[in-house]
Amino acid sequence: MNIKTSLLLLWLMATTAMAQNVTVGDPVRIVTRTAAFYPLLTDNAQAVLVTQQDYTGLIRINLSTGEQQIISTQPRAGRQAMTSAVRTNDRLQIELSRNGSTIVLTPNGADHHYLWPQLSPDQSKIAYTVSGSGTYVYDLTTRQVTHLGKMRAARWVDDQWIVAMQDSDDGYQVTASAVVMTRVDGTMQQTITDPNLKAMYPSAQAGHVAFCTPQGDIYVMTISINQPNDSLQ
C-alpha cells in the first residue's frame, strides 16, 4: 500500500466517523385505531399528536401507556395543531407574528412559494421549503439564507439541527422517502431511517423523532447527537 492510498483511506475513515453524528434507536411502531399522519411529538416526547391525511380530527397518544384521546373531530384540526408563530399565508408567503404584529417574509424573493415554515427554539431562525427548490434556513438577525438541499417539511431538533424528509414519487405515489437530520449551517447531514421504510413528515422533541408512512403507520425512535471527535478535526 503506497502513501497516497494510505492517506486516502485515512481521509475516508475520518470522513465517515465525522459524518455519523447521530446515533439512532430502532423505530417503534405506535398502534393507532385508524391510519394516522403528520405526527407531532408533544409533552417532552411523552405523547404524539396525529391526524387524518386531510388533517381532519386530532388524537393524542400517550407513548407510555398507548392510551388514545380524541382531542377534536373537526376538519383541519390537525393543521391548526401545527400552527405556530410562523406560517404561510394564502399567497404562500411566510408570515411571522411577534409582539402583536405580523410581518411578511420572502427570503428567496417574492416570486417563490414558501411551505412548512418553522421557527427555531431560540426564535432566531426560520426553516422553510421553497417549492421545487428544497429547504432553507433564514437567519432573522443577519438575514442570511442557507440552502440545506432537496428536502421538505423540516422541523427543528434543537437550535443547530433540523429533521426533514427526502422523498420522490412517480407522479402518482411515493416511491421512496427517508428522514434526514441536517445541521442548519449545511455542514453535516445524515439519513436516520431505513431505506426500505418510506418515512415521511417527521417531528422531533426531547431526543425522539416521530414519522409516518404513506399507509398511515406512525413510528417513534430515539436519537442522540454526538459531539465531534476533536482528534478528527
C-alpha atoms as a PDB file:
ATOM      1  CA  MET A   1       0.000   0.000   0.000  1.00  0.00           C
ATOM      2  CA  ASN A   2       1.565   3.317  -1.079  1.00  0.00           C
ATOM      3  CA  ILE A   3       1.453   6.597   0.849  1.00  0.00           C
ATOM      4  CA  LYS A   4      -1.235   8.112  -1.364  1.00  0.00           C
ATOM      5  CA  THR A   5      -3.523   5.128  -0.839  1.00  0.00           C
ATOM      6  CA  SER A   6      -2.906   5.181   2.913  1.00  0.00           C
ATOM      7  CA  LEU A   7      -3.761   8.863   3.143  1.00  0.00           C
ATOM      8  CA  LEU A   8      -6.925   8.328   1.106  1.00  0.00           C
ATOM      9  CA  LEU A   9      -8.061   5.527   3.405  1.00  0.00           C
ATOM     10  CA  LEU A  10      -7.388   7.657   6.476  1.00  0.00           C
ATOM     11  CA  TRP A  11      -9.380  10.520   4.979  1.00  0.00           C
ATOM     12  CA  LEU A  12     -12.289   8.228   4.185  1.00  0.00           C
ATOM     13  CA  MET A  13     -12.237   6.803   7.721  1.00  0.00           C
ATOM     14  CA  ALA A  14     -12.186  10.289   9.243  1.00  0.00           C
ATOM     15  CA  THR A  15     -14.963  11.499   6.954  1.00  0.00           C
ATOM     16  CA  THR A  16     -17.142   8.505   7.819  1.00  0.00           C
ATOM     17  CA  ALA A  17     -16.562   8.957  11.540  1.00  0.00           C
ATOM     18  CA  MET A  18     -17.419  12.650  11.351  1.00  0.00           C
ATOM     19  CA  ALA A  19     -20.482  12.020   9.206  1.00  0.00           C
ATOM     20  CA  GLN A  20     -22.093   9.688  11.740  1.00  0.00           C
ATOM     21  CA  ASN A  21     -23.078  12.436  14.138  1.00  0.00           C
ATOM     22  CA  VAL A  22     -26.416  10.957  15.175  1.00  0.00           C
ATOM     23  CA  THR A  23     -26.951   7.677  16.996  1.00  0.00           C
ATOM     24  CA  VAL A  24     -30.374   6.276  16.196  1.00  0.00           C
ATOM     25  CA  GLY A  25     -32.503   3.727  18.011  1.00  0.00           C
ATOM     26  CA  ASP A  26     -34.768   1.232  16.281  1.00  0.00           C
ATOM     27  CA  PRO A  27     -38.107   2.755  15.226  1.00  0.00           C
ATOM     28  CA  VAL A  28     -41.087   1.555  17.254  1.00  0.00           C
ATOM     29  CA  ARG A  29     -44.455   1.352  15.554  1.00  0.00           C
ATOM     30  CA  ILE A  30     -47.219   3.081  17.513  1.00  0.00           C
ATOM     31  CA  VAL A  31     -50.588   1.344  17.493  1.00  0.00           C
ATOM     32  CA  THR A  32     -53.385   3.557  16.169  1.00  0.00           C
ATOM     33  CA  ARG A  33     -57.073   2.829  15.669  1.00  0.00           C
ATOM     34  CA  THR A  34     -57.033   4.076  12.084  1.00  0.00           C
ATOM     35  CA  ALA A  35     -54.460   5.326   9.596  1.00  0.00           C
ATOM     36  CA  ALA A  36     -52.683   8.350  11.100  1.00  0.00           C
ATOM     37  CA  PHE A  37     -50.468  11.037   9.637  1.00  0.00           C
ATOM     38  CA  TYR A  38     -48.289  14.089  10.388  1.00  0.00           C
ATOM     39  CA  PRO A  39     -47.161  13.058  13.905  1.00  0.00           C
ATOM     40  CA  LEU A  40     -46.265  15.883  16.261  1.00  0.00           C
ATOM     41  CA  LEU A  41     -44.338  14.978  19.398  1.00  0.00           C
ATOM     42  CA  THR A  42     -45.508  16.842  22.490  1.00  0.00           C
ATOM     43  CA  ASP A  43     -45.256  16.901  26.301  1.00  0.00           C
ATOM     44  CA  ASN A  44     -41.482  16.353  26.266  1.00  0.00           C
ATOM     45  CA  ALA A  45     -41.917  13.417  23.850  1.00  0.00           C
ATOM     46  CA  GLN A  46     -44.270  11.652  26.256  1.00  0.00           C
ATOM     47  CA  ALA A  47     -47.084  11.839  23.707  1.00  0.00           C
ATOM     48  CA  VAL A  48     -47.693  12.288  19.999  1.00  0.00           C
ATOM     49  CA  LEU A  49     -50.492  14.119  18.198  1.00  0.00           C
ATOM     50  CA  VAL A  50     -51.769  12.584  14.960  1.00  0.00           C
ATOM     51  CA  THR A  51     -54.474  13.415  12.445  1.00  0.00           C
ATOM     52  CA  GLN A  52     -56.040  12.086   9.265  1.00  0.00           C
ATOM     53  CA  GLN A  53     -54.468  12.541   5.849  1.00  0.00           C
ATOM     54  CA  ASP A  54     -56.700  15.564   5.131  1.00  0.00           C
ATOM     55  CA  TYR A  55     -55.975  16.970   8.638  1.00  0.00           C
ATOM     56  CA  THR A  56     -59.460  16.080   9.918  1.00  0.00           C
ATOM     57  CA  GLY A  57     -59.540  15.401  13.661  1.00  0.00           C
ATOM     58  CA  LEU A  58     -56.780  15.292  16.251  1.00  0.00           C
ATOM     59  CA  ILE A  59     -55.784  12.403  18.535  1.00  0.00           C
ATOM     60  CA  ARG A  60     -53.284  12.402  21.384  1.00  0.00           C
ATOM     61  CA  ILE A  61     -51.461   9.120  22.020  1.00  0.00           C
ATOM     62  CA  ASN A  62     -49.652   8.539  25.313  1.00  0.00           C
ATOM     63  CA  LEU A  63     -46.414   6.844  24.299  1.00  0.00           C
ATOM     64  CA  SER A  64     -46.009   5.122  27.678  1.00  0.00           C
ATOM     65  CA  THR A  65     -49.494   3.663  28.062  1.00  0.00           C
ATOM     66  CA  GLY A  66     -50.783   3.683  24.486  1.00  0.00           C
ATOM     67  CA  GLU A  67     -53.918   5.498  25.639  1.00  0.00           C
ATOM     68  CA  GLN A  68     -55.583   7.413  22.817  1.00  0.00           C
ATOM     69  CA  GLN A  69     -57.571  10.570  23.491  1.00  0.00           C
ATOM     70  CA  ILE A  70     -59.723  12.265  20.855  1.00  0.00           C
ATOM     71  CA  ILE A  71     -58.943  15.982  21.056  1.00  0.00           C
ATOM     72  CA  SER A  72     -61.089  17.054  18.108  1.00  0.00           C
ATOM     73  CA  THR A  73     -63.112  15.645  15.246  1.00  0.00           C
ATOM     74  CA  GLN A  74     -63.271  18.925  13.345  1.00  0.00           C
ATOM     75  CA  PRO A  75     -61.969  19.430   9.789  1.00  0.00           C
ATOM     76  CA  ARG A  76     -58.397  20.766   9.670  1.00  0.00           C
ATOM     77  CA  ALA A  77     -57.943  20.294  13.415  1.00  0.00           C
ATOM     78  CA  GLY A  78     -54.613  18.653  12.646  1.00  0.00           C
ATOM     79  CA  ARG A  79     -53.456  21.669  10.661  1.00  0.00           C
ATOM     80  CA  GLN A  80     -54.428  24.039  13.458  1.00  0.00           C
ATOM     81  CA  ALA A  81     -52.431  21.997  15.975  1.00  0.00           C
ATOM     82  CA  MET A  82     -49.312  22.551  13.887  1.00  0.00           C
ATOM     83  CA  THR A  83     -49.813  26.303  13.519  1.00  0.00           C
ATOM     84  CA  SER A  84     -47.326  28.442  15.425  1.00  0.00           C
ATOM     85  CA  ALA A  85     -45.968  31.981  15.379  1.00  0.00           C
ATOM     86  CA  VAL A  86     -44.784  31.414  11.815  1.00  0.00           C
ATOM     87  CA  ARG A  87     -46.972  30.149   8.984  1.00  0.00           C
ATOM     88  CA  THR A  88     -47.736  30.586   5.294  1.00  0.00           C
ATOM     89  CA  ASN A  89     -50.491  32.903   4.098  1.00  0.00           C
ATOM     90  CA  ASP A  90     -52.884  32.469   1.174  1.00  0.00           C
ATOM     91  CA  ARG A  91     -50.191  33.732  -1.208  1.00  0.00           C
ATOM     92  CA  LEU A  92     -47.734  31.100   0.098  1.00  0.00           C
ATOM     93  CA  GLN A  93     -45.513  33.706   1.730  1.00  0.00           C
ATOM     94  CA  ILE A  94     -44.075  33.396   5.217  1.00  0.00           C
ATOM     95  CA  GLU A  95     -45.874  35.284   7.983  1.00  0.00           C
ATOM     96  CA  LEU A  96     -44.171  35.809  11.342  1.00  0.00           C
ATOM     97  CA  SER A  97     -46.200  37.069  14.303  1.00  0.00           C
ATOM     98  CA  ARG A  98     -44.382  38.730  17.193  1.00  0.00           C
ATOM     99  CA  ASN A  99     -45.441  41.101  19.940  1.00  0.00           C
ATOM    100  CA  GLY A 100     -48.877  41.602  18.449  1.00  0.00           C
ATOM    101  CA  SER A 101     -47.670  42.405  14.933  1.00  0.00           C
ATOM    102  CA  THR A 102     -47.237  40.287  11.804  1.00  0.00           C
ATOM    103  CA  ILE A 103     -44.601  40.696   9.105  1.00  0.00           C
ATOM    104  CA  VAL A 104     -44.388  39.013   5.694  1.00  0.00           C
ATOM    105  CA  LEU A 105     -41.077  37.418   4.724  1.00  0.00           C
ATOM    106  CA  THR A 106     -39.893  36.264   1.293  1.00  0.00           C
ATOM    107  CA  PRO A 107     -36.197  35.462   1.875  1.00  0.00           C
ATOM    108  CA  ASN A 108     -35.684  33.938  -1.603  1.00  0.00           C
ATOM    109  CA  GLY A 109     -37.769  36.519  -3.419  1.00  0.00           C
ATOM    110  CA  ALA A 110     -41.458  37.318  -3.831  1.00  0.00           C
ATOM    111  CA  ASP A 111     -41.784  35.080  -6.905  1.00  0.00           C
ATOM    112  CA  HIS A 112     -41.338  31.858  -4.883  1.00  0.00           C
ATOM    113  CA  HIS A 113     -43.819  29.700  -2.980  1.00  0.00           C
ATOM    114  CA  TYR A 114     -42.955  29.013   0.665  1.00  0.00           C
ATOM    115  CA  LEU A 115     -44.060  25.915   2.569  1.00  0.00           C
ATOM    116  CA  TRP A 116     -43.703  24.423   6.067  1.00  0.00           C
ATOM    117  CA  PRO A 117     -42.028  27.393   7.828  1.00  0.00           C
ATOM    118  CA  GLN A 118     -40.811  26.555  11.332  1.00  0.00           C
ATOM    119  CA  LEU A 119     -39.344  28.929  13.923  1.00  0.00           C
ATOM    120  CA  SER A 120     -36.249  27.677  15.770  1.00  0.00           C
ATOM    121  CA  PRO A 121     -36.492  27.079  19.536  1.00  0.00           C
ATOM    122  CA  ASP A 122     -34.452  30.234  20.240  1.00  0.00           C
ATOM    123  CA  GLN A 123     -36.633  32.141  17.713  1.00  0.00           C
ATOM    124  CA  SER A 124     -33.600  33.368  15.784  1.00  0.00           C
ATOM    125  CA  LYS A 125     -34.078  31.385  12.551  1.00  0.00           C
ATOM    126  CA  ILE A 126     -36.797  30.031  10.286  1.00  0.00           C
ATOM    127  CA  ALA A 127     -36.550  26.743   8.413  1.00  0.00           C
ATOM    128  CA  TYR A 128     -38.782  26.540   5.347  1.00  0.00           C
ATOM    129  CA  THR A 129     -39.197  24.838   1.987  1.00  0.00           C
ATOM    130  CA  VAL A 130     -39.284  26.632  -1.355  1.00  0.00           C
ATOM    131  CA  SER A 131     -41.459  24.778  -3.845  1.00  0.00           C
ATOM    132  CA  GLY A 132     -39.295  22.966  -6.387  1.00  0.00           C
ATOM    133  CA  SER A 133     -36.041  24.046  -4.759  1.00  0.00           C
ATOM    134  CA  GLY A 134     -35.627  22.479  -1.330  1.00  0.00           C
ATOM    135  CA  THR A 135     -35.241  23.509   2.288  1.00  0.00           C
ATOM    136  CA  TYR A 136     -33.552  26.663   3.549  1.00  0.00           C
ATOM    137  CA  VAL A 137     -32.756  28.345   6.860  1.00  0.00           C
ATOM    138  CA  TYR A 138     -33.208  32.101   7.200  1.00  0.00           C
ATOM    139  CA  ASP A 139     -31.381  33.942   9.984  1.00  0.00           C
ATOM    140  CA  LEU A 140     -33.691  36.676  11.269  1.00  0.00           C
ATOM    141  CA  THR A 141     -30.774  38.730  12.600  1.00  0.00           C
ATOM    142  CA  THR A 142     -28.225  38.541   9.777  1.00  0.00           C
ATOM    143  CA  ARG A 143     -30.800  37.864   7.023  1.00  0.00           C
ATOM    144  CA  GLN A 144     -28.512  35.137   5.722  1.00  0.00           C
ATOM    145  CA  VAL A 145     -30.161  32.336   3.715  1.00  0.00           C
ATOM    146  CA  THR A 146     -28.607  28.850   3.800  1.00  0.00           C
ATOM    147  CA  HIS A 147     -29.697  26.159   1.351  1.00  0.00           C
ATOM    148  CA  LEU A 148     -29.766  22.742   3.031  1.00  0.00           C
ATOM    149  CA  GLY A 149     -30.611  20.705  -0.054  1.00  0.00           C
ATOM    150  CA  LYS A 150     -33.505  18.836  -1.619  1.00  0.00           C
ATOM    151  CA  MET A 151     -35.681  18.012   1.371  1.00  0.00           C
ATOM    152  CA  ARG A 152     -39.104  19.028   2.628  1.00  0.00           C
ATOM    153  CA  ALA A 153     -41.226  19.525   5.738  1.00  0.00           C
ATOM    154  CA  ALA A 154     -38.361  20.434   8.068  1.00  0.00           C
ATOM    155  CA  ARG A 155     -38.797  20.624  11.827  1.00  0.00           C
ATOM    156  CA  TRP A 156     -36.334  21.713  14.463  1.00  0.00           C
ATOM    157  CA  VAL A 157     -34.497  19.214  16.653  1.00  0.00           C
ATOM    158  CA  ASP A 158     -32.668  21.971  18.523  1.00  0.00           C
ATOM    159  CA  ASP A 159     -31.159  25.334  17.563  1.00  0.00           C
ATOM    160  CA  GLN A 160     -28.467  23.671  15.422  1.00  0.00           C
ATOM    161  CA  TRP A 161     -30.202  20.700  13.803  1.00  0.00           C
ATOM    162  CA  ILE A 162     -33.334  20.072  11.777  1.00  0.00           C
ATOM    163  CA  VAL A 163     -35.076  16.884  10.715  1.00  0.00           C
ATOM    164  CA  ALA A 164     -36.781  16.658   7.314  1.00  0.00           C
ATOM    165  CA  MET A 165     -37.823  14.209   4.615  1.00  0.00           C
ATOM    166  CA  GLN A 166     -36.219  13.458   1.261  1.00  0.00           C
ATOM    167  CA  ASP A 167     -38.944  11.932  -0.877  1.00  0.00           C
ATOM    168  CA  SER A 168     -39.566  11.077  -4.519  1.00  0.00           C
ATOM    169  CA  ASP A 169     -42.599   9.942  -6.496  1.00  0.00           C
ATOM    170  CA  ASP A 170     -43.629   8.816  -9.960  1.00  0.00           C
ATOM    171  CA  GLY A 171     -46.385  11.387 -10.288  1.00  0.00           C
ATOM    172  CA  TYR A 172     -48.948   9.104  -8.685  1.00  0.00           C
ATOM    173  CA  GLN A 173     -47.471   7.695  -5.492  1.00  0.00           C
ATOM    174  CA  VAL A 174     -44.431   7.960  -3.252  1.00  0.00           C
ATOM    175  CA  THR A 175     -41.637   5.704  -4.492  1.00  0.00           C
ATOM    176  CA  ALA A 176     -39.097   6.451  -1.780  1.00  0.00           C
ATOM    177  CA  SER A 177     -38.775   8.650   1.290  1.00  0.00           C
ATOM    178  CA  ALA A 178     -36.213   8.937   4.059  1.00  0.00           C
ATOM    179  CA  VAL A 179     -35.846  11.088   7.150  1.00  0.00           C
ATOM    180  CA  VAL A 180     -32.609  13.055   7.348  1.00  0.00           C
ATOM    181  CA  MET A 181     -31.022  15.202  10.035  1.00  0.00           C
ATOM    182  CA  THR A 182     -29.043  18.237   8.935  1.00  0.00           C
ATOM    183  CA  ARG A 183     -27.050  20.932  10.687  1.00  0.00           C
ATOM    184  CA  VAL A 184     -28.518  24.341   9.962  1.00  0.00           C
ATOM    185  CA  ASP A 185     -25.193  25.591   8.598  1.00  0.00           C
ATOM    186  CA  GLY A 186     -25.351  22.848   5.971  1.00  0.00           C
ATOM    187  CA  THR A 187     -22.074  21.216   7.018  1.00  0.00           C
ATOM    188  CA  MET A 188     -23.415  17.821   8.096  1.00  0.00           C
ATOM    189  CA  GLN A 189     -26.279  15.592   7.023  1.00  0.00           C
ATOM    190  CA  GLN A 190     -27.257  12.048   7.947  1.00  0.00           C
ATOM    191  CA  THR A 191     -30.066   9.736   6.884  1.00  0.00           C
ATOM    192  CA  ILE A 192     -31.596   8.262  10.032  1.00  0.00           C
ATOM    193  CA  THR A 193     -34.237   5.858   8.665  1.00  0.00           C
ATOM    194  CA  ASP A 194     -34.036   2.535   6.860  1.00  0.00           C
ATOM    195  CA  PRO A 195     -34.237   2.985   3.067  1.00  0.00           C
ATOM    196  CA  ASN A 196     -36.762   0.127   2.926  1.00  0.00           C
ATOM    197  CA  LEU A 197     -39.177   2.177   5.047  1.00  0.00           C
ATOM    198  CA  LYS A 198     -40.938   5.125   3.414  1.00  0.00           C
ATOM    199  CA  ALA A 199     -40.542   7.607   6.272  1.00  0.00           C
ATOM    200  CA  MET A 200     -42.301  10.953   5.916  1.00  0.00           C
ATOM    201  CA  TYR A 201     -43.265  14.140   7.767  1.00  0.00           C
ATOM    202  CA  PRO A 202     -41.007  13.860  10.807  1.00  0.00           C
ATOM    203  CA  SER A 203     -41.139  15.824  14.032  1.00  0.00           C
ATOM    204  CA  ALA A 204     -38.616  15.915  16.862  1.00  0.00           C
ATOM    205  CA  GLN A 205     -38.611  16.597  20.580  1.00  0.00           C
ATOM    206  CA  ALA A 206     -36.547  15.628  23.631  1.00  0.00           C
ATOM    207  CA  GLY A 207     -34.262  13.132  21.903  1.00  0.00           C
ATOM    208  CA  HIS A 208     -37.035  11.491  19.871  1.00  0.00           C
ATOM    209  CA  VAL A 209     -38.148  11.599  16.243  1.00  0.00           C
ATOM    210  CA  ALA A 210     -41.619  10.585  15.024  1.00  0.00           C
ATOM    211  CA  PHE A 211     -42.636   9.987  11.429  1.00  0.00           C
ATOM    212  CA  CYS A 212     -45.404   8.410   9.362  1.00  0.00           C
ATOM    213  CA  THR A 213     -45.579   6.242   6.253  1.00  0.00           C
ATOM    214  CA  PRO A 214     -47.804   6.707   3.177  1.00  0.00           C
ATOM    215  CA  GLN A 215     -50.022   3.938   4.570  1.00  0.00           C
ATOM    216  CA  GLY A 216     -50.635   5.835   7.814  1.00  0.00           C
ATOM    217  CA  ASP A 217     -48.321   3.959  10.180  1.00  0.00           C
ATOM    218  CA  ILE A 218     -46.708   6.003  12.957  1.00  0.00           C
ATOM    219  CA  TYR A 219     -43.194   5.323  14.240  1.00  0.00           C
ATOM    220  CA  VAL A 220     -41.122   6.852  17.035  1.00  0.00           C
ATOM    221  CA  MET A 221     -37.400   6.377  17.612  1.00  0.00           C
ATOM    222  CA  THR A 222     -34.723   7.790  19.876  1.00  0.00           C
ATOM    223  CA  ILE A 223     -31.829   9.914  18.640  1.00  0.00           C
ATOM    224  CA  SER A 224     -28.630  11.130  20.246  1.00  0.00           C
ATOM    225  CA  ILE A 225     -26.450  13.829  18.704  1.00  0.00           C
ATOM    226  CA  ASN A 226     -22.784  13.001  19.205  1.00  0.00           C
ATOM    227  CA  GLN A 227     -20.136  15.624  19.783  1.00  0.00           C
ATOM    228  CA  PRO A 228     -17.477  15.739  17.012  1.00  0.00           C
ATOM    229  CA  ASN A 229     -14.231  13.955  17.846  1.00  0.00           C
ATOM    230  CA  ASP A 230     -11.650  16.693  18.309  1.00  0.00           C
ATOM    231  CA  SER A 231      -8.900  14.369  17.125  1.00  0.00           C
ATOM    232  CA  LEU A 232     -10.548  14.211  13.695  1.00  0.00           C
ATOM    233  CA  GLN A 233     -10.891  17.959  13.260  1.00  0.00           C
END
